[in-house]
Amino acid sequence: MTRGVIAFPTVGAMAFTHVVTFKWNDEDFDDSGVAEALRGLVARFDGVRSYLCGPDSGFTPGAYDFSVVGTFDDQESFVAYRDHPEHQRIVAEMIGPNLSSRTVVQLDH
């Protein structure tokens, strides 16, 4: 599986980081399409400082299966990404039907 970080120039001192982890219903679910769709989407947005997503490395037993770590210029930039129709489609069609559980944490820094 390909992993990658998309980094963008930073502007200003404050940032907002969104971290989400997914546990899939089926441990053999091929989540490469989810990663590709999310990376393709986020590349269209201003206000994204960095974005990393992909499957768990398998190093720690019991870990969740997939994660997203996105750092945005501010909460408004994150909301533009979160509420975008294409993001909502990815969640509804690709993530939701395969999702057993998720965790979310968000940081202002």
N, C-alpha and C. Protein backbone atom coordinates (compact mmCIF):
# COMPACT_ATOMS: atom_id res chain seq x y z
N MET A 1 0.84 -1.18 0.00
CA MET A 1 0.00 0.00 0.00
C MET A 1 0.89 1.25 0.00
N THR A 2 0.46 2.23 -0.72
CA THR A 2 1.20 3.48 -0.80
C THR A 2 0.75 4.41 0.31
N ARG A 3 1.72 4.98 0.99
CA ARG A 3 1.43 5.98 2.00
C ARG A 3 2.09 7.27 1.55
N GLY A 4 1.49 8.38 1.89
CA GLY A 4 2.09 9.63 1.48
C GLY A 4 1.58 10.77 2.30
N VAL A 5 2.41 11.79 2.40
CA VAL A 5 2.04 13.01 3.08
C VAL A 5 1.97 14.09 2.02
N ILE A 6 0.90 14.84 2.03
CA ILE A 6 0.78 16.00 1.17
C ILE A 6 1.02 17.19 2.08
N ALA A 7 2.10 17.92 1.86
CA ALA A 7 2.44 19.06 2.70
C ALA A 7 2.29 20.34 1.89
N PHE A 8 1.74 21.36 2.50
CA PHE A 8 1.54 22.64 1.87
C PHE A 8 2.20 23.71 2.72
N PRO A 9 2.57 24.84 2.12
CA PRO A 9 3.19 25.91 2.91
C PRO A 9 2.28 26.38 4.03
N THR A 10 2.86 26.70 5.15
CA THR A 10 2.07 27.17 6.29
C THR A 10 1.98 28.69 6.28
N VAL A 11 0.85 29.18 6.72
CA VAL A 11 0.61 30.61 6.82
C VAL A 11 -0.01 30.86 8.18
N GLY A 12 0.55 31.75 8.97
CA GLY A 12 -0.01 32.05 10.28
C GLY A 12 0.44 31.06 11.33
N ALA A 13 0.14 31.38 12.58
CA ALA A 13 0.63 30.58 13.69
C ALA A 13 -0.33 29.49 14.13
N MET A 14 -1.63 29.72 14.04
CA MET A 14 -2.60 28.75 14.53
C MET A 14 -2.93 27.72 13.44
N ALA A 15 -3.26 26.55 13.89
CA ALA A 15 -3.67 25.48 12.97
C ALA A 15 -4.74 24.63 13.65
N PHE A 16 -5.37 23.78 12.87
CA PHE A 16 -6.39 22.86 13.35
C PHE A 16 -6.08 21.49 12.77
N THR A 17 -5.89 20.50 13.62
CA THR A 17 -5.58 19.15 13.17
C THR A 17 -6.74 18.21 13.48
N HIS A 18 -7.11 17.45 12.47
CA HIS A 18 -8.20 16.48 12.53
C HIS A 18 -7.59 15.09 12.42
N VAL A 19 -7.85 14.24 13.41
CA VAL A 19 -7.36 12.86 13.40
C VAL A 19 -8.56 11.93 13.52
N VAL A 20 -8.69 11.02 12.58
CA VAL A 20 -9.78 10.05 12.63
C VAL A 20 -9.20 8.67 12.34
N THR A 21 -9.69 7.66 13.06
CA THR A 21 -9.29 6.28 12.79
C THR A 21 -10.54 5.45 12.52
N PHE A 22 -10.39 4.48 11.64
CA PHE A 22 -11.50 3.61 11.27
C PHE A 22 -11.15 2.16 11.56
N LYS A 23 -12.13 1.42 12.04
CA LYS A 23 -12.07 -0.04 12.15
C LYS A 23 -13.07 -0.56 11.14
N TRP A 24 -12.58 -1.36 10.20
CA TRP A 24 -13.45 -1.89 9.15
C TRP A 24 -14.22 -3.11 9.61
N ASN A 25 -15.38 -3.34 9.00
CA ASN A 25 -16.17 -4.54 9.28
C ASN A 25 -15.42 -5.81 8.91
N ASP A 26 -14.68 -5.74 7.80
CA ASP A 26 -13.96 -6.89 7.27
C ASP A 26 -12.47 -6.57 7.28
N GLU A 27 -11.68 -7.35 7.99
CA GLU A 27 -10.25 -7.05 8.09
C GLU A 27 -9.54 -7.16 6.74
N ASP A 28 -10.16 -7.78 5.76
CA ASP A 28 -9.58 -7.91 4.43
C ASP A 28 -10.07 -6.83 3.45
N PHE A 29 -10.81 -5.85 3.95
CA PHE A 29 -11.31 -4.77 3.10
C PHE A 29 -10.13 -4.04 2.45
N ASP A 30 -10.19 -3.86 1.14
CA ASP A 30 -9.15 -3.12 0.40
C ASP A 30 -9.49 -1.63 0.46
N ASP A 31 -8.80 -0.91 1.33
CA ASP A 31 -9.10 0.51 1.54
C ASP A 31 -8.26 1.43 0.67
N SER A 32 -7.57 0.89 -0.32
CA SER A 32 -6.73 1.73 -1.18
C SER A 32 -7.57 2.75 -1.94
N GLY A 33 -8.79 2.38 -2.33
CA GLY A 33 -9.67 3.32 -3.02
C GLY A 33 -10.09 4.48 -2.13
N VAL A 34 -10.27 4.21 -0.84
CA VAL A 34 -10.61 5.27 0.11
C VAL A 34 -9.46 6.27 0.19
N ALA A 35 -8.24 5.75 0.34
CA ALA A 35 -7.07 6.63 0.43
C ALA A 35 -6.90 7.47 -0.83
N GLU A 36 -7.04 6.84 -1.99
CA GLU A 36 -6.90 7.57 -3.25
C GLU A 36 -7.96 8.65 -3.39
N ALA A 37 -9.19 8.33 -3.03
CA ALA A 37 -10.27 9.31 -3.14
C ALA A 37 -10.05 10.49 -2.20
N LEU A 38 -9.65 10.20 -0.96
CA LEU A 38 -9.42 11.29 0.00
C LEU A 38 -8.24 12.16 -0.43
N ARG A 39 -7.16 11.55 -0.89
CA ARG A 39 -6.00 12.34 -1.33
C ARG A 39 -6.34 13.19 -2.54
N GLY A 40 -7.11 12.63 -3.46
CA GLY A 40 -7.52 13.40 -4.63
C GLY A 40 -8.40 14.58 -4.26
N LEU A 41 -9.26 14.37 -3.28
CA LEU A 41 -10.15 15.45 -2.84
C LEU A 41 -9.38 16.56 -2.16
N VAL A 42 -8.54 16.22 -1.20
CA VAL A 42 -7.88 17.24 -0.38
C VAL A 42 -6.92 18.11 -1.21
N ALA A 43 -6.42 17.58 -2.30
CA ALA A 43 -5.50 18.35 -3.15
C ALA A 43 -6.19 19.56 -3.78
N ARG A 44 -7.51 19.58 -3.80
CA ARG A 44 -8.27 20.69 -4.39
C ARG A 44 -8.46 21.88 -3.46
N PHE A 45 -8.10 21.73 -2.18
CA PHE A 45 -8.45 22.74 -1.18
C PHE A 45 -7.30 23.65 -0.80
N ASP A 46 -7.62 24.93 -0.64
CA ASP A 46 -6.71 25.86 0.01
C ASP A 46 -6.86 25.65 1.52
N GLY A 47 -5.89 26.05 2.29
CA GLY A 47 -6.00 25.96 3.74
C GLY A 47 -5.60 24.62 4.32
N VAL A 48 -5.03 23.73 3.50
CA VAL A 48 -4.56 22.44 3.99
C VAL A 48 -3.05 22.51 4.16
N ARG A 49 -2.58 22.33 5.38
CA ARG A 49 -1.14 22.37 5.64
C ARG A 49 -0.48 21.02 5.39
N SER A 50 -1.11 19.95 5.80
CA SER A 50 -0.61 18.60 5.52
C SER A 50 -1.76 17.62 5.61
N TYR A 51 -1.61 16.48 4.96
CA TYR A 51 -2.67 15.49 4.94
C TYR A 51 -2.04 14.12 4.74
N LEU A 52 -2.29 13.24 5.67
CA LEU A 52 -1.77 11.88 5.62
C LEU A 52 -2.93 10.93 5.85
N CYS A 53 -3.06 9.93 4.99
CA CYS A 53 -4.08 8.92 5.22
C CYS A 53 -3.61 7.60 4.67
N GLY A 54 -4.11 6.53 5.28
CA GLY A 54 -3.77 5.21 4.78
C GLY A 54 -3.98 4.13 5.81
N PRO A 55 -3.68 2.89 5.42
CA PRO A 55 -3.89 1.75 6.31
C PRO A 55 -2.88 1.70 7.43
N ASP A 56 -3.28 1.06 8.52
CA ASP A 56 -2.39 0.86 9.65
C ASP A 56 -1.20 0.01 9.24
N SER A 57 -0.05 0.26 9.84
CA SER A 57 1.17 -0.48 9.50
C SER A 57 1.16 -1.91 10.03
N GLY A 58 0.27 -2.19 10.99
CA GLY A 58 0.21 -3.53 11.56
C GLY A 58 1.21 -3.77 12.67
N PHE A 59 1.89 -2.72 13.10
CA PHE A 59 2.93 -2.85 14.11
C PHE A 59 2.38 -3.15 15.50
N THR A 60 1.27 -2.52 15.86
CA THR A 60 0.70 -2.70 17.20
C THR A 60 -0.59 -3.50 17.11
N PRO A 61 -0.65 -4.65 17.76
CA PRO A 61 -1.87 -5.46 17.74
C PRO A 61 -3.06 -4.68 18.31
N GLY A 62 -4.21 -4.87 17.70
CA GLY A 62 -5.43 -4.24 18.19
C GLY A 62 -5.65 -2.82 17.69
N ALA A 63 -4.73 -2.30 16.90
CA ALA A 63 -4.88 -0.94 16.38
C ALA A 63 -6.02 -0.89 15.38
N TYR A 64 -6.52 0.30 15.14
CA TYR A 64 -7.53 0.49 14.12
C TYR A 64 -6.91 0.26 12.74
N ASP A 65 -7.75 0.16 11.70
CA ASP A 65 -7.31 -0.27 10.39
C ASP A 65 -6.82 0.83 9.46
N PHE A 66 -7.29 2.05 9.67
CA PHE A 66 -7.03 3.14 8.71
C PHE A 66 -7.09 4.45 9.48
N SER A 67 -6.27 5.42 9.06
CA SER A 67 -6.33 6.71 9.74
C SER A 67 -6.19 7.86 8.75
N VAL A 68 -6.67 9.00 9.19
CA VAL A 68 -6.53 10.26 8.48
C VAL A 68 -6.00 11.27 9.49
N VAL A 69 -4.94 11.98 9.12
CA VAL A 69 -4.42 13.07 9.94
C VAL A 69 -4.26 14.26 9.00
N GLY A 70 -5.14 15.23 9.17
CA GLY A 70 -5.12 16.42 8.33
C GLY A 70 -4.91 17.66 9.18
N THR A 71 -3.98 18.49 8.78
CA THR A 71 -3.76 19.76 9.46
C THR A 71 -4.16 20.88 8.52
N PHE A 72 -5.03 21.74 9.02
CA PHE A 72 -5.62 22.81 8.25
C PHE A 72 -5.22 24.16 8.85
N ASP A 73 -5.30 25.21 8.05
CA ASP A 73 -4.96 26.55 8.54
C ASP A 73 -5.83 26.94 9.73
N ASP A 74 -7.09 26.51 9.71
CA ASP A 74 -8.03 26.89 10.77
C ASP A 74 -9.25 25.99 10.69
N GLN A 75 -10.16 26.15 11.64
CA GLN A 75 -11.38 25.33 11.66
C GLN A 75 -12.23 25.55 10.42
N GLU A 76 -12.27 26.77 9.91
CA GLU A 76 -13.08 27.06 8.73
C GLU A 76 -12.58 26.28 7.51
N SER A 77 -11.27 26.15 7.38
CA SER A 77 -10.71 25.36 6.28
C SER A 77 -11.09 23.89 6.42
N PHE A 78 -11.06 23.39 7.66
CA PHE A 78 -11.48 22.01 7.89
C PHE A 78 -12.95 21.82 7.54
N VAL A 79 -13.81 22.74 7.96
CA VAL A 79 -15.25 22.63 7.70
C VAL A 79 -15.51 22.63 6.19
N ALA A 80 -14.78 23.43 5.44
CA ALA A 80 -14.95 23.44 3.98
C ALA A 80 -14.65 22.07 3.40
N TYR A 81 -13.62 21.40 3.90
CA TYR A 81 -13.27 20.04 3.48
C TYR A 81 -14.34 19.04 3.96
N ARG A 82 -14.66 19.10 5.24
CA ARG A 82 -15.60 18.14 5.84
C ARG A 82 -16.96 18.17 5.17
N ASP A 83 -17.45 19.37 4.86
CA ASP A 83 -18.80 19.52 4.34
C ASP A 83 -18.88 19.49 2.81
N HIS A 84 -17.75 19.38 2.14
CA HIS A 84 -17.74 19.36 0.68
C HIS A 84 -18.53 18.14 0.18
N PRO A 85 -19.35 18.31 -0.85
CA PRO A 85 -20.17 17.19 -1.35
C PRO A 85 -19.36 15.94 -1.71
N GLU A 86 -18.17 16.10 -2.26
CA GLU A 86 -17.37 14.93 -2.62
C GLU A 86 -16.89 14.19 -1.37
N HIS A 87 -16.53 14.94 -0.32
CA HIS A 87 -16.15 14.29 0.94
C HIS A 87 -17.34 13.54 1.52
N GLN A 88 -18.50 14.14 1.47
CA GLN A 88 -19.70 13.49 1.97
C GLN A 88 -20.02 12.22 1.17
N ARG A 89 -19.77 12.25 -0.14
CA ARG A 89 -19.98 11.06 -0.97
C ARG A 89 -19.01 9.95 -0.59
N ILE A 90 -17.74 10.29 -0.38
CA ILE A 90 -16.74 9.29 0.01
C ILE A 90 -17.13 8.64 1.34
N VAL A 91 -17.57 9.46 2.28
CA VAL A 91 -17.99 8.94 3.59
C VAL A 91 -19.20 8.03 3.42
N ALA A 92 -20.20 8.47 2.67
CA ALA A 92 -21.45 7.72 2.53
C ALA A 92 -21.29 6.44 1.71
N GLU A 93 -20.49 6.48 0.66
CA GLU A 93 -20.42 5.35 -0.26
C GLU A 93 -19.23 4.42 -0.03
N MET A 94 -18.12 4.95 0.46
CA MET A 94 -16.91 4.14 0.56
C MET A 94 -16.55 3.78 2.00
N ILE A 95 -16.75 4.71 2.91
CA ILE A 95 -16.35 4.48 4.30
C ILE A 95 -17.51 3.88 5.10
N GLY A 96 -18.64 4.54 5.11
CA GLY A 96 -19.79 4.12 5.92
C GLY A 96 -20.19 2.67 5.79
N PRO A 97 -20.35 2.16 4.57
CA PRO A 97 -20.79 0.77 4.43
C PRO A 97 -19.78 -0.26 4.95
N ASN A 98 -18.53 0.14 5.11
CA ASN A 98 -17.47 -0.77 5.55
C ASN A 98 -17.02 -0.53 6.98
N LEU A 99 -17.66 0.42 7.66
CA LEU A 99 -17.21 0.89 8.96
C LEU A 99 -17.82 0.12 10.12
N SER A 100 -16.95 -0.37 10.98
CA SER A 100 -17.40 -0.98 12.23
C SER A 100 -17.43 0.08 13.34
N SER A 101 -16.35 0.87 13.44
CA SER A 101 -16.29 1.96 14.43
C SER A 101 -15.23 2.97 14.02
N ARG A 102 -15.28 4.13 14.66
CA ARG A 102 -14.30 5.18 14.38
C ARG A 102 -13.99 5.95 15.64
N THR A 103 -12.86 6.61 15.63
CA THR A 103 -12.51 7.56 16.68
C THR A 103 -12.15 8.88 16.00
N VAL A 104 -12.37 9.97 16.71
CA VAL A 104 -12.02 11.29 16.19
C VAL A 104 -11.44 12.12 17.33
N VAL A 105 -10.38 12.84 17.03
CA VAL A 105 -9.85 13.84 17.95
C VAL A 105 -9.40 15.03 17.09
N GLN A 106 -9.62 16.23 17.63
CA GLN A 106 -9.26 17.44 16.88
C GLN A 106 -8.53 18.39 17.82
N LEU A 107 -7.49 19.02 17.28
CA LEU A 107 -6.64 19.87 18.07
C LEU A 107 -6.50 21.26 17.47
N ASP A 108 -6.67 22.29 18.29
CA ASP A 108 -6.29 23.64 17.93
C ASP A 108 -4.87 23.84 18.42
N HIS A 109 -4.01 24.32 17.56
CA HIS A 109 -2.60 24.53 17.99
C HIS A 109 -1.97 25.65 17.19
